[in-house]
Amino acid sequence: MNSTTFDHDPSSTDVSSSLSVLSTTLANETNPEHARTMIEKQQLIHQCEMMKIEIAQKQQNIMDLKAQHDARMEEMEEQFHTAKHNNQILQFKLNSALDQHSKELKATQDANSNQILTLRRKQAEIECLLPSLQVKSAEIRNLLLNMHVSIEQVMLTF
């Protein structure tokens, strides 16, 4: 190759210096075909530079979105753990209230059972006393009937 051609190294990271060398080469170039090729190379290098800028911007956007996503995930995980903790607290309170209610209900049932037993015992006692009271009542009735005391006799005694 002659000294007026520009060999572009694709691994080169300094595109702007390549453009400057290419521009200088184009100014010194007299062959129109070669000048056209050099202009095309310059356009391609410029397009590559623009694509690199665009890629860098998109990578930055991706990194920003990833950071936002990570922050949102952390926030949601924290909300989840808070909700889970609150659920455990509420479950504990519910179980405690159910246990307390169950104890109170059992105490009420025991008290009612004791009252029923007491009432049954008293009923049995009364039923046992009833025949003897009926006999005594009949005796008193017969005694009163046999007395033949009239109202007039009672009035005279006063």
N, C-alpha and C. Protein backbone atom coordinates (compact mmCIF):
# COMPACT_ATOMS: atom_id res chain seq x y z
N MET A 1 0.84 -1.17 0.00
CA MET A 1 0.00 0.00 0.00
C MET A 1 0.88 1.23 0.00
N ASN A 2 0.37 2.29 -0.60
CA ASN A 2 1.17 3.51 -0.65
C ASN A 2 0.98 4.31 0.62
N SER A 3 1.67 5.40 0.74
CA SER A 3 1.67 6.19 1.96
C SER A 3 0.41 7.02 2.11
N THR A 4 -0.41 7.15 1.06
CA THR A 4 -1.63 7.95 1.15
C THR A 4 -2.82 7.15 1.63
N THR A 5 -2.71 5.83 1.71
CA THR A 5 -3.85 5.04 2.19
C THR A 5 -3.84 4.99 3.70
N PHE A 6 -5.04 4.86 4.26
CA PHE A 6 -5.20 4.81 5.71
C PHE A 6 -5.72 3.44 6.08
N ASP A 7 -4.93 2.73 6.85
CA ASP A 7 -5.38 1.42 7.32
C ASP A 7 -6.03 1.61 8.68
N HIS A 8 -7.32 1.30 8.74
CA HIS A 8 -8.06 1.44 9.98
C HIS A 8 -7.98 0.14 10.76
N ASP A 9 -7.49 0.26 11.96
CA ASP A 9 -7.42 -0.90 12.86
C ASP A 9 -8.75 -0.99 13.61
N PRO A 10 -9.54 -2.04 13.38
CA PRO A 10 -10.84 -2.13 14.05
C PRO A 10 -10.73 -2.22 15.56
N SER A 11 -9.58 -2.63 16.04
CA SER A 11 -9.44 -2.72 17.49
C SER A 11 -9.04 -1.39 18.11
N SER A 12 -8.80 -0.39 17.27
CA SER A 12 -8.40 0.92 17.76
C SER A 12 -9.57 1.58 18.47
N THR A 13 -9.32 2.17 19.63
CA THR A 13 -10.37 2.82 20.39
C THR A 13 -10.36 4.32 20.17
N ASP A 14 -9.34 4.83 19.52
CA ASP A 14 -9.23 6.27 19.33
C ASP A 14 -9.72 6.61 17.93
N VAL A 15 -11.03 6.68 17.76
CA VAL A 15 -11.64 6.92 16.46
C VAL A 15 -11.43 8.36 16.02
N SER A 16 -11.45 9.29 16.95
CA SER A 16 -11.30 10.71 16.58
C SER A 16 -9.92 10.99 16.00
N SER A 17 -8.88 10.34 16.51
CA SER A 17 -7.55 10.55 15.93
C SER A 17 -7.48 9.92 14.54
N SER A 18 -8.21 8.81 14.36
CA SER A 18 -8.26 8.19 13.04
C SER A 18 -8.96 9.11 12.06
N LEU A 19 -10.02 9.78 12.51
CA LEU A 19 -10.73 10.71 11.64
C LEU A 19 -9.83 11.88 11.25
N SER A 20 -9.06 12.34 12.19
CA SER A 20 -8.17 13.47 11.89
C SER A 20 -7.10 13.06 10.89
N VAL A 21 -6.54 11.86 11.03
CA VAL A 21 -5.54 11.36 10.08
C VAL A 21 -6.20 11.17 8.73
N LEU A 22 -7.42 10.66 8.72
CA LEU A 22 -8.14 10.43 7.48
C LEU A 22 -8.44 11.75 6.78
N SER A 23 -8.83 12.76 7.55
CA SER A 23 -9.10 14.07 6.95
C SER A 23 -7.85 14.65 6.32
N THR A 24 -6.74 14.53 7.00
CA THR A 24 -5.48 15.03 6.47
C THR A 24 -5.11 14.27 5.20
N THR A 25 -5.34 12.97 5.21
CA THR A 25 -5.03 12.14 4.05
C THR A 25 -5.92 12.54 2.88
N LEU A 26 -7.22 12.83 3.14
CA LEU A 26 -8.14 13.23 2.09
C LEU A 26 -7.73 14.56 1.47
N ALA A 27 -7.23 15.45 2.27
CA ALA A 27 -6.82 16.75 1.76
C ALA A 27 -5.65 16.61 0.80
N ASN A 28 -4.79 15.61 1.04
CA ASN A 28 -3.62 15.41 0.19
C ASN A 28 -3.91 14.48 -0.98
N GLU A 29 -5.09 13.86 -1.00
CA GLU A 29 -5.43 12.85 -1.99
C GLU A 29 -5.81 13.50 -3.31
N THR A 30 -5.30 12.91 -4.42
CA THR A 30 -5.60 13.45 -5.75
C THR A 30 -6.43 12.48 -6.57
N ASN A 31 -6.41 11.23 -6.25
CA ASN A 31 -7.16 10.21 -6.98
C ASN A 31 -8.62 10.25 -6.50
N PRO A 32 -9.61 10.54 -7.42
CA PRO A 32 -11.01 10.66 -6.99
C PRO A 32 -11.58 9.34 -6.47
N GLU A 33 -11.23 8.23 -7.04
CA GLU A 33 -11.74 6.93 -6.58
C GLU A 33 -11.25 6.65 -5.17
N HIS A 34 -9.99 6.93 -4.98
CA HIS A 34 -9.41 6.71 -3.66
C HIS A 34 -10.01 7.69 -2.66
N ALA A 35 -10.29 8.92 -3.09
CA ALA A 35 -10.89 9.92 -2.21
C ALA A 35 -12.30 9.47 -1.82
N ARG A 36 -13.03 8.94 -2.78
CA ARG A 36 -14.37 8.46 -2.47
C ARG A 36 -14.31 7.33 -1.45
N THR A 37 -13.41 6.39 -1.62
CA THR A 37 -13.23 5.29 -0.68
C THR A 37 -12.87 5.82 0.70
N MET A 38 -12.05 6.82 0.73
CA MET A 38 -11.63 7.41 2.01
C MET A 38 -12.82 8.11 2.69
N ILE A 39 -13.65 8.77 1.89
CA ILE A 39 -14.84 9.42 2.45
C ILE A 39 -15.79 8.37 3.01
N GLU A 40 -15.96 7.28 2.29
CA GLU A 40 -16.82 6.20 2.78
C GLU A 40 -16.28 5.63 4.09
N LYS A 41 -14.94 5.49 4.14
CA LYS A 41 -14.33 5.00 5.38
C LYS A 41 -14.58 5.98 6.50
N GLN A 42 -14.44 7.29 6.17
CA GLN A 42 -14.66 8.32 7.19
C GLN A 42 -16.12 8.26 7.67
N GLN A 43 -17.06 8.08 6.74
CA GLN A 43 -18.47 7.98 7.12
C GLN A 43 -18.72 6.74 8.00
N LEU A 44 -18.09 5.63 7.63
CA LEU A 44 -18.23 4.42 8.42
C LEU A 44 -17.66 4.60 9.83
N ILE A 45 -16.51 5.25 9.89
CA ILE A 45 -15.90 5.50 11.21
C ILE A 45 -16.81 6.40 12.03
N HIS A 46 -17.39 7.42 11.39
CA HIS A 46 -18.32 8.32 12.08
C HIS A 46 -19.56 7.55 12.56
N GLN A 47 -20.10 6.69 11.70
CA GLN A 47 -21.25 5.88 12.09
C GLN A 47 -20.91 4.97 13.26
N CYS A 48 -19.70 4.40 13.22
CA CYS A 48 -19.26 3.54 14.34
C CYS A 48 -19.19 4.34 15.63
N GLU A 49 -18.66 5.57 15.55
CA GLU A 49 -18.56 6.43 16.73
C GLU A 49 -19.96 6.75 17.26
N MET A 50 -20.90 7.04 16.36
CA MET A 50 -22.27 7.34 16.78
C MET A 50 -22.92 6.11 17.41
N MET A 51 -22.66 4.94 16.82
CA MET A 51 -23.21 3.70 17.39
C MET A 51 -22.62 3.42 18.76
N LYS A 52 -21.33 3.71 18.93
CA LYS A 52 -20.71 3.50 20.25
C LYS A 52 -21.35 4.42 21.28
N ILE A 53 -21.63 5.67 20.86
CA ILE A 53 -22.28 6.61 21.78
C ILE A 53 -23.69 6.11 22.11
N GLU A 54 -24.40 5.67 21.09
CA GLU A 54 -25.75 5.15 21.29
C GLU A 54 -25.73 3.91 22.18
N ILE A 55 -24.79 3.03 21.96
CA ILE A 55 -24.66 1.82 22.80
C ILE A 55 -24.36 2.20 24.23
N ALA A 56 -23.46 3.16 24.42
CA ALA A 56 -23.11 3.60 25.78
C ALA A 56 -24.35 4.19 26.47
N GLN A 57 -25.16 4.97 25.73
CA GLN A 57 -26.37 5.54 26.31
C GLN A 57 -27.36 4.43 26.67
N LYS A 58 -27.50 3.47 25.78
CA LYS A 58 -28.42 2.36 26.06
C LYS A 58 -27.93 1.52 27.23
N GLN A 59 -26.62 1.32 27.32
CA GLN A 59 -26.08 0.58 28.46
C GLN A 59 -26.35 1.34 29.76
N GLN A 60 -26.21 2.67 29.69
CA GLN A 60 -26.49 3.47 30.89
C GLN A 60 -27.97 3.38 31.25
N ASN A 61 -28.84 3.44 30.23
CA ASN A 61 -30.28 3.28 30.49
C ASN A 61 -30.58 1.93 31.11
N ILE A 62 -29.94 0.89 30.58
CA ILE A 62 -30.13 -0.46 31.13
C ILE A 62 -29.67 -0.51 32.57
N MET A 63 -28.52 0.08 32.86
CA MET A 63 -28.01 0.08 34.24
C MET A 63 -28.95 0.86 35.16
N ASP A 64 -29.48 2.00 34.65
CA ASP A 64 -30.43 2.78 35.46
C ASP A 64 -31.70 1.98 35.73
N LEU A 65 -32.22 1.32 34.69
CA LEU A 65 -33.42 0.50 34.86
C LEU A 65 -33.16 -0.66 35.82
N LYS A 66 -31.98 -1.26 35.72
CA LYS A 66 -31.63 -2.36 36.62
C LYS A 66 -31.55 -1.85 38.06
N ALA A 67 -30.97 -0.68 38.25
CA ALA A 67 -30.88 -0.11 39.60
C ALA A 67 -32.28 0.18 40.14
N GLN A 68 -33.14 0.74 39.29
CA GLN A 68 -34.52 1.00 39.72
C GLN A 68 -35.23 -0.31 40.05
N HIS A 69 -35.03 -1.31 39.22
CA HIS A 69 -35.65 -2.62 39.45
C HIS A 69 -35.16 -3.21 40.77
N ASP A 70 -33.85 -3.16 41.00
CA ASP A 70 -33.29 -3.70 42.24
C ASP A 70 -33.84 -2.96 43.46
N ALA A 71 -33.93 -1.62 43.34
CA ALA A 71 -34.46 -0.84 44.47
C ALA A 71 -35.92 -1.21 44.72
N ARG A 72 -36.69 -1.36 43.65
CA ARG A 72 -38.11 -1.73 43.80
C ARG A 72 -38.24 -3.13 44.39
N MET A 73 -37.39 -4.03 43.96
CA MET A 73 -37.42 -5.40 44.50
C MET A 73 -37.10 -5.38 46.00
N GLU A 74 -36.09 -4.59 46.39
CA GLU A 74 -35.76 -4.49 47.82
C GLU A 74 -36.94 -3.93 48.60
N GLU A 75 -37.57 -2.89 48.04
CA GLU A 75 -38.73 -2.28 48.69
C GLU A 75 -39.86 -3.29 48.83
N MET A 76 -40.11 -4.05 47.76
CA MET A 76 -41.19 -5.04 47.80
C MET A 76 -40.85 -6.17 48.77
N GLU A 77 -39.60 -6.58 48.82
CA GLU A 77 -39.20 -7.63 49.77
C GLU A 77 -39.39 -7.13 51.19
N GLU A 78 -39.04 -5.88 51.44
CA GLU A 78 -39.22 -5.31 52.77
C GLU A 78 -40.70 -5.25 53.12
N GLN A 79 -41.54 -4.83 52.16
CA GLN A 79 -42.98 -4.80 52.40
C GLN A 79 -43.50 -6.21 52.66
N PHE A 80 -43.00 -7.18 51.90
CA PHE A 80 -43.42 -8.57 52.10
C PHE A 80 -43.06 -9.05 53.50
N HIS A 81 -41.82 -8.77 53.92
CA HIS A 81 -41.40 -9.23 55.25
C HIS A 81 -42.19 -8.52 56.35
N THR A 82 -42.49 -7.23 56.13
CA THR A 82 -43.30 -6.50 57.11
C THR A 82 -44.71 -7.09 57.18
N ALA A 83 -45.28 -7.35 56.02
CA ALA A 83 -46.63 -7.94 55.98
C ALA A 83 -46.63 -9.33 56.62
N LYS A 84 -45.59 -10.10 56.34
CA LYS A 84 -45.48 -11.45 56.92
C LYS A 84 -45.37 -11.36 58.43
N HIS A 85 -44.56 -10.41 58.92
CA HIS A 85 -44.40 -10.23 60.36
C HIS A 85 -45.73 -9.80 60.99
N ASN A 86 -46.42 -8.84 60.34
CA ASN A 86 -47.72 -8.39 60.85
C ASN A 86 -48.72 -9.53 60.86
N ASN A 87 -48.67 -10.37 59.83
CA ASN A 87 -49.55 -11.54 59.77
C ASN A 87 -49.28 -12.48 60.94
N GLN A 88 -48.01 -12.69 61.24
CA GLN A 88 -47.66 -13.57 62.37
C GLN A 88 -48.16 -12.99 63.69
N ILE A 89 -48.03 -11.67 63.83
CA ILE A 89 -48.50 -11.02 65.06
C ILE A 89 -50.02 -11.17 65.18
N LEU A 90 -50.72 -10.90 64.07
CA LEU A 90 -52.18 -11.03 64.09
C LEU A 90 -52.61 -12.47 64.33
N GLN A 91 -51.88 -13.42 63.76
CA GLN A 91 -52.20 -14.83 63.97
C GLN A 91 -52.02 -15.19 65.45
N PHE A 92 -50.95 -14.69 66.05
CA PHE A 92 -50.70 -14.94 67.47
C PHE A 92 -51.82 -14.33 68.32
N LYS A 93 -52.21 -13.08 67.99
CA LYS A 93 -53.28 -12.43 68.75
C LYS A 93 -54.59 -13.21 68.59
N LEU A 94 -54.88 -13.65 67.37
CA LEU A 94 -56.09 -14.42 67.13
C LEU A 94 -56.08 -15.71 67.93
N ASN A 95 -54.96 -16.42 67.90
CA ASN A 95 -54.86 -17.68 68.66
C ASN A 95 -55.01 -17.41 70.15
N SER A 96 -54.42 -16.33 70.64
CA SER A 96 -54.55 -15.99 72.07
C SER A 96 -56.00 -15.68 72.41
N ALA A 97 -56.66 -14.91 71.54
CA ALA A 97 -58.07 -14.57 71.80
C ALA A 97 -58.94 -15.82 71.75
N LEU A 98 -58.66 -16.71 70.80
CA LEU A 98 -59.43 -17.96 70.72
C LEU A 98 -59.19 -18.83 71.95
N ASP A 99 -57.95 -18.90 72.41
CA ASP A 99 -57.65 -19.67 73.63
C ASP A 99 -58.40 -19.08 74.82
N GLN A 100 -58.36 -17.74 74.94
CA GLN A 100 -59.03 -17.07 76.05
C GLN A 100 -60.53 -17.33 75.98
N HIS A 101 -61.09 -17.19 74.79
CA HIS A 101 -62.53 -17.42 74.61
C HIS A 101 -62.88 -18.87 74.94
N SER A 102 -62.04 -19.79 74.52
CA SER A 102 -62.27 -21.20 74.79
C SER A 102 -62.25 -21.47 76.30
N LYS A 103 -61.30 -20.85 77.01
CA LYS A 103 -61.23 -21.02 78.47
C LYS A 103 -62.48 -20.44 79.13
N GLU A 104 -62.89 -19.26 78.68
CA GLU A 104 -64.08 -18.64 79.26
C GLU A 104 -65.32 -19.49 78.98
N LEU A 105 -65.43 -20.01 77.78
CA LEU A 105 -66.56 -20.86 77.41
C LEU A 105 -66.57 -22.13 78.26
N LYS A 106 -65.40 -22.73 78.46
CA LYS A 106 -65.32 -23.94 79.29
C LYS A 106 -65.71 -23.62 80.73
N ALA A 107 -65.25 -22.47 81.23
CA ALA A 107 -65.61 -22.10 82.60
C ALA A 107 -67.13 -21.89 82.72
N THR A 108 -67.73 -21.26 81.71
CA THR A 108 -69.18 -21.05 81.71
C THR A 108 -69.91 -22.38 81.64
N GLN A 109 -69.43 -23.29 80.79
CA GLN A 109 -70.06 -24.61 80.68
C GLN A 109 -69.94 -25.38 81.98
N ASP A 110 -68.77 -25.29 82.62
CA ASP A 110 -68.57 -25.97 83.91
C ASP A 110 -69.51 -25.41 84.96
N ALA A 111 -69.64 -24.06 84.98
CA ALA A 111 -70.53 -23.43 85.96
C ALA A 111 -71.98 -23.85 85.70
N ASN A 112 -72.39 -23.87 84.43
CA ASN A 112 -73.75 -24.30 84.09
C ASN A 112 -73.97 -25.76 84.47
N SER A 113 -72.97 -26.60 84.20
CA SER A 113 -73.09 -28.02 84.57
C SER A 113 -73.23 -28.17 86.08
N ASN A 114 -72.45 -27.42 86.83
CA ASN A 114 -72.54 -27.47 88.30
C ASN A 114 -73.91 -27.00 88.78
N GLN A 115 -74.44 -25.94 88.15
CA GLN A 115 -75.77 -25.45 88.53
C GLN A 115 -76.84 -26.50 88.21
N ILE A 116 -76.72 -27.14 87.07
CA ILE A 116 -77.68 -28.18 86.69
C ILE A 116 -77.62 -29.33 87.69
N LEU A 117 -76.40 -29.74 88.06
CA LEU A 117 -76.26 -30.82 89.04
C LEU A 117 -76.87 -30.42 90.38
N THR A 118 -76.63 -29.18 90.80
CA THR A 118 -77.19 -28.69 92.06
C THR A 118 -78.72 -28.70 91.99
N LEU A 119 -79.26 -28.22 90.87
CA LEU A 119 -80.71 -28.20 90.71
C LEU A 119 -81.28 -29.62 90.70
N ARG A 120 -80.63 -30.55 90.06
CA ARG A 120 -81.11 -31.94 90.05
C ARG A 120 -81.09 -32.55 91.45
N ARG A 121 -80.01 -32.24 92.20
CA ARG A 121 -79.96 -32.75 93.58
C ARG A 121 -81.10 -32.18 94.42
N LYS A 122 -81.33 -30.87 94.26
CA LYS A 122 -82.40 -30.24 95.02
C LYS A 122 -83.76 -30.81 94.60
N GLN A 123 -83.93 -31.03 93.28
CA GLN A 123 -85.17 -31.61 92.78
C GLN A 123 -85.36 -33.01 93.36
N ALA A 124 -84.29 -33.79 93.41
CA ALA A 124 -84.37 -35.15 93.98
C ALA A 124 -84.73 -35.08 95.46
N GLU A 125 -84.13 -34.13 96.18
CA GLU A 125 -84.45 -33.97 97.60
C GLU A 125 -85.92 -33.60 97.78
N ILE A 126 -86.37 -32.66 96.93
CA ILE A 126 -87.77 -32.22 97.03
C ILE A 126 -88.71 -33.38 96.70
N GLU A 127 -88.33 -34.13 95.64
CA GLU A 127 -89.17 -35.27 95.29
C GLU A 127 -89.19 -36.32 96.40
N CYS A 128 -88.08 -36.45 97.11
CA CYS A 128 -88.05 -37.38 98.25
C CYS A 128 -88.91 -36.86 99.40
N LEU A 129 -88.90 -35.54 99.61
CA LEU A 129 -89.68 -34.94 100.70
C LEU A 129 -91.16 -34.86 100.36
N LEU A 130 -91.49 -34.81 99.10
CA LEU A 130 -92.86 -34.60 98.67
C LEU A 130 -93.83 -35.65 99.24
N PRO A 131 -93.52 -36.92 99.14
CA PRO A 131 -94.49 -37.89 99.70
C PRO A 131 -94.72 -37.68 101.20
N SER A 132 -93.66 -37.41 101.94
CA SER A 132 -93.87 -37.22 103.39
C SER A 132 -94.63 -35.94 103.67
N LEU A 133 -94.39 -34.89 102.83
CA LEU A 133 -95.15 -33.66 103.01
C LEU A 133 -96.61 -33.85 102.62
N GLN A 134 -96.84 -34.67 101.59
CA GLN A 134 -98.22 -34.95 101.18
C GLN A 134 -98.95 -35.70 102.30
N VAL A 135 -98.23 -36.62 102.94
CA VAL A 135 -98.84 -37.36 104.05
C VAL A 135 -99.16 -36.41 105.19
N LYS A 136 -98.21 -35.55 105.53
CA LYS A 136 -98.45 -34.59 106.62
C LYS A 136 -99.59 -33.65 106.26
N SER A 137 -99.62 -33.21 104.99
CA SER A 137 -100.69 -32.31 104.56
C SER A 137 -102.04 -33.01 104.69
N ALA A 138 -102.11 -34.26 104.30
CA ALA A 138 -103.37 -35.01 104.42
C ALA A 138 -103.76 -35.16 105.88
N GLU A 139 -102.80 -35.41 106.73
CA GLU A 139 -103.09 -35.56 108.17
C GLU A 139 -103.65 -34.26 108.73
N ILE A 140 -103.03 -33.13 108.34
CA ILE A 140 -103.48 -31.83 108.85
C ILE A 140 -104.88 -31.55 108.32
N ARG A 141 -105.15 -31.86 107.07
CA ARG A 141 -106.47 -31.64 106.49
C ARG A 141 -107.52 -32.48 107.25
N ASN A 142 -107.17 -33.74 107.47
CA ASN A 142 -108.12 -34.60 108.20
C ASN A 142 -108.34 -34.09 109.62
N LEU A 143 -107.28 -33.64 110.24
CA LEU A 143 -107.41 -33.11 111.60
C LEU A 143 -108.32 -31.91 111.62
N LEU A 144 -108.13 -31.04 110.63
CA LEU A 144 -108.97 -29.84 110.56
C LEU A 144 -110.43 -30.21 110.25
N LEU A 145 -110.62 -31.19 109.41
CA LEU A 145 -111.98 -31.61 109.09
C LEU A 145 -112.66 -32.26 110.30
N ASN A 146 -111.89 -32.93 111.06
CA ASN A 146 -112.45 -33.60 112.23
C ASN A 146 -112.73 -32.62 113.37
N MET A 147 -112.23 -31.54 113.32
CA MET A 147 -112.37 -30.58 114.41
C MET A 147 -113.76 -29.98 114.46
N HIS A 148 -114.53 -29.91 113.65
CA HIS A 148 -115.88 -29.37 113.60
C HIS A 148 -116.00 -28.06 114.33
N VAL A 149 -115.09 -27.30 114.18
CA VAL A 149 -115.18 -26.01 114.84
C VAL A 149 -115.85 -25.07 113.86
N SER A 150 -116.83 -24.47 114.31
CA SER A 150 -117.52 -23.56 113.45
C SER A 150 -116.98 -22.17 113.66
N ILE A 151 -117.35 -21.34 112.77
CA ILE A 151 -116.91 -19.96 112.83
C ILE A 151 -117.55 -19.29 114.04
N GLU A 152 -118.76 -19.67 114.33
CA GLU A 152 -119.44 -19.05 115.47
C GLU A 152 -118.77 -19.42 116.79
N GLN A 153 -118.26 -20.61 116.86
CA GLN A 153 -117.58 -21.02 118.10
C GLN A 153 -116.30 -20.27 118.25
N VAL A 154 -115.63 -20.03 117.16
CA VAL A 154 -114.36 -19.29 117.22
C VAL A 154 -114.64 -17.85 117.63
N MET A 155 -115.76 -17.28 117.19
CA MET A 155 -116.08 -15.90 117.48
C MET A 155 -116.50 -15.74 118.94
N LEU A 156 -117.10 -16.72 119.46
CA LEU A 156 -117.54 -16.64 120.83
C LEU A 156 -116.37 -16.71 121.81
N THR A 157 -115.36 -17.34 121.42
CA THR A 157 -114.21 -17.45 122.31
C THR A 157 -113.45 -16.14 122.40
N PHE A 158 -113.74 -15.25 121.62
CA PHE A 158 -113.03 -13.95 121.66
C PHE A 158 -113.84 -12.95 122.31
